[in-house]
Amino acid sequence: MEEKVCPKCNNSQIEKGIIRSGNAVVHMFSYNNPRSQSSPISSYYCSNCGYVLGLYFENPKILGK
């Protein structure tokens, strides 16, 4: 992650988080093959104001298969 400071409040406390829905982690699936392997979706967020700086999935190579 390139950003080290929140663009909204200039706080430098950027944290990594996991996105959950109910009791499970949200996963990304390939659009072309929704029954393929999946990858958890994570994010970086500001611990001061809660601004979400970005979303990404942990294992991008498995979605390309």
C-alpha atoms as a PDB file:
ATOM      1  CA  MET A   1       0.000   0.000   0.000  1.00  0.00           C
ATOM      2  CA  GLU A   2       1.457   3.318  -1.073  1.00  0.00           C
ATOM      3  CA  GLU A   3      -0.541   5.756   1.055  1.00  0.00           C
ATOM      4  CA  LYS A   4       0.858   6.205   4.555  1.00  0.00           C
ATOM      5  CA  VAL A   5      -1.370   9.138   5.555  1.00  0.00           C
ATOM      6  CA  CYS A   6      -5.157   9.435   5.410  1.00  0.00           C
ATOM      7  CA  PRO A   7      -6.188  11.834   2.618  1.00  0.00           C
ATOM      8  CA  LYS A   8      -9.231  12.911   4.636  1.00  0.00           C
ATOM      9  CA  CYS A   9      -7.762  13.777   8.070  1.00  0.00           C
ATOM     10  CA  ASN A  10      -3.955  13.454   7.622  1.00  0.00           C
ATOM     11  CA  ASN A  11      -3.703  10.776  10.322  1.00  0.00           C
ATOM     12  CA  SER A  12      -0.771   8.372   9.909  1.00  0.00           C
ATOM     13  CA  GLN A  13      -2.426   5.435  11.684  1.00  0.00           C
ATOM     14  CA  ILE A  14      -3.455   3.334   8.675  1.00  0.00           C
ATOM     15  CA  GLU A  15      -4.665  -0.163   9.609  1.00  0.00           C
ATOM     16  CA  LYS A  16      -5.450  -3.327   7.670  1.00  0.00           C
ATOM     17  CA  GLY A  17      -8.917  -4.857   8.054  1.00  0.00           C
ATOM     18  CA  ILE A  18     -10.953  -7.839   6.884  1.00  0.00           C
ATOM     19  CA  ILE A  19     -14.435  -7.276   5.463  1.00  0.00           C
ATOM     20  CA  ARG A  20     -17.050  -9.530   7.045  1.00  0.00           C
ATOM     21  CA  SER A  21     -20.709 -10.138   6.387  1.00  0.00           C
ATOM     22  CA  GLY A  22     -22.493 -11.713   9.309  1.00  0.00           C
ATOM     23  CA  ASN A  23     -20.289 -14.552  10.523  1.00  0.00           C
ATOM     24  CA  ALA A  24     -18.151 -14.978   7.404  1.00  0.00           C
ATOM     25  CA  VAL A  25     -15.388 -13.128   5.589  1.00  0.00           C
ATOM     26  CA  VAL A  26     -16.516 -11.703   2.222  1.00  0.00           C
ATOM     27  CA  HIS A  27     -14.800 -13.367  -0.759  1.00  0.00           C
ATOM     28  CA  MET A  28     -14.108 -12.280  -4.341  1.00  0.00           C
ATOM     29  CA  PHE A  29     -14.896 -14.743  -7.149  1.00  0.00           C
ATOM     30  CA  SER A  30     -13.978 -14.563 -10.822  1.00  0.00           C
ATOM     31  CA  TYR A  31     -16.813 -13.039 -12.894  1.00  0.00           C
ATOM     32  CA  ASN A  32     -16.139 -15.516 -15.702  1.00  0.00           C
ATOM     33  CA  ASN A  33     -15.975 -18.543 -13.410  1.00  0.00           C
ATOM     34  CA  PRO A  34     -17.984 -17.919 -10.211  1.00  0.00           C
ATOM     35  CA  ARG A  35     -17.484 -21.521  -9.076  1.00  0.00           C
ATOM     36  CA  SER A  36     -13.698 -21.152  -9.117  1.00  0.00           C
ATOM     37  CA  GLN A  37     -11.499 -20.546  -6.087  1.00  0.00           C
ATOM     38  CA  SER A  38     -12.077 -17.349  -4.165  1.00  0.00           C
ATOM     39  CA  SER A  39     -10.016 -14.855  -2.225  1.00  0.00           C
ATOM     40  CA  PRO A  40     -10.890 -12.894   0.949  1.00  0.00           C
ATOM     41  CA  ILE A  41     -11.450  -9.157   0.493  1.00  0.00           C
ATOM     42  CA  SER A  42      -9.354  -6.920   2.762  1.00  0.00           C
ATOM     43  CA  SER A  43      -9.026  -3.177   3.175  1.00  0.00           C
ATOM     44  CA  TYR A  44      -6.853  -0.411   4.553  1.00  0.00           C
ATOM     45  CA  TYR A  45      -8.566   2.210   6.698  1.00  0.00           C
ATOM     46  CA  CYS A  46      -7.781   5.224   8.846  1.00  0.00           C
ATOM     47  CA  SER A  47      -8.056   4.408  12.554  1.00  0.00           C
ATOM     48  CA  ASN A  48      -8.859   8.059  13.335  1.00  0.00           C
ATOM     49  CA  CYS A  49     -11.767   8.931  11.011  1.00  0.00           C
ATOM     50  CA  GLY A  50     -12.689   5.520   9.553  1.00  0.00           C
ATOM     51  CA  TYR A  51     -12.035   6.476   5.930  1.00  0.00           C
ATOM     52  CA  VAL A  52     -11.461   3.374   3.762  1.00  0.00           C
ATOM     53  CA  LEU A  53      -8.378   3.947   1.616  1.00  0.00           C
ATOM     54  CA  GLY A  54      -8.721   0.882  -0.570  1.00  0.00           C
ATOM     55  CA  LEU A  55     -10.094  -2.601  -1.058  1.00  0.00           C
ATOM     56  CA  TYR A  56      -8.150  -5.544  -2.430  1.00  0.00           C
ATOM     57  CA  PHE A  57      -8.272  -9.304  -2.473  1.00  0.00           C
ATOM     58  CA  GLU A  58      -5.545 -11.349  -0.822  1.00  0.00           C
ATOM     59  CA  ASN A  59      -4.815 -13.897  -3.573  1.00  0.00           C
ATOM     60  CA  PRO A  60      -5.247 -12.279  -7.019  1.00  0.00           C
ATOM     61  CA  LYS A  61      -3.433 -15.092  -8.858  1.00  0.00           C
ATOM     62  CA  ILE A  62      -6.038 -17.719  -8.006  1.00  0.00           C
ATOM     63  CA  LEU A  63      -8.818 -15.618  -9.551  1.00  0.00           C
ATOM     64  CA  GLY A  64      -7.066 -15.519 -12.903  1.00  0.00           C
ATOM     65  CA  LYS A  65      -7.396 -19.290 -13.316  1.00  0.00           C
END
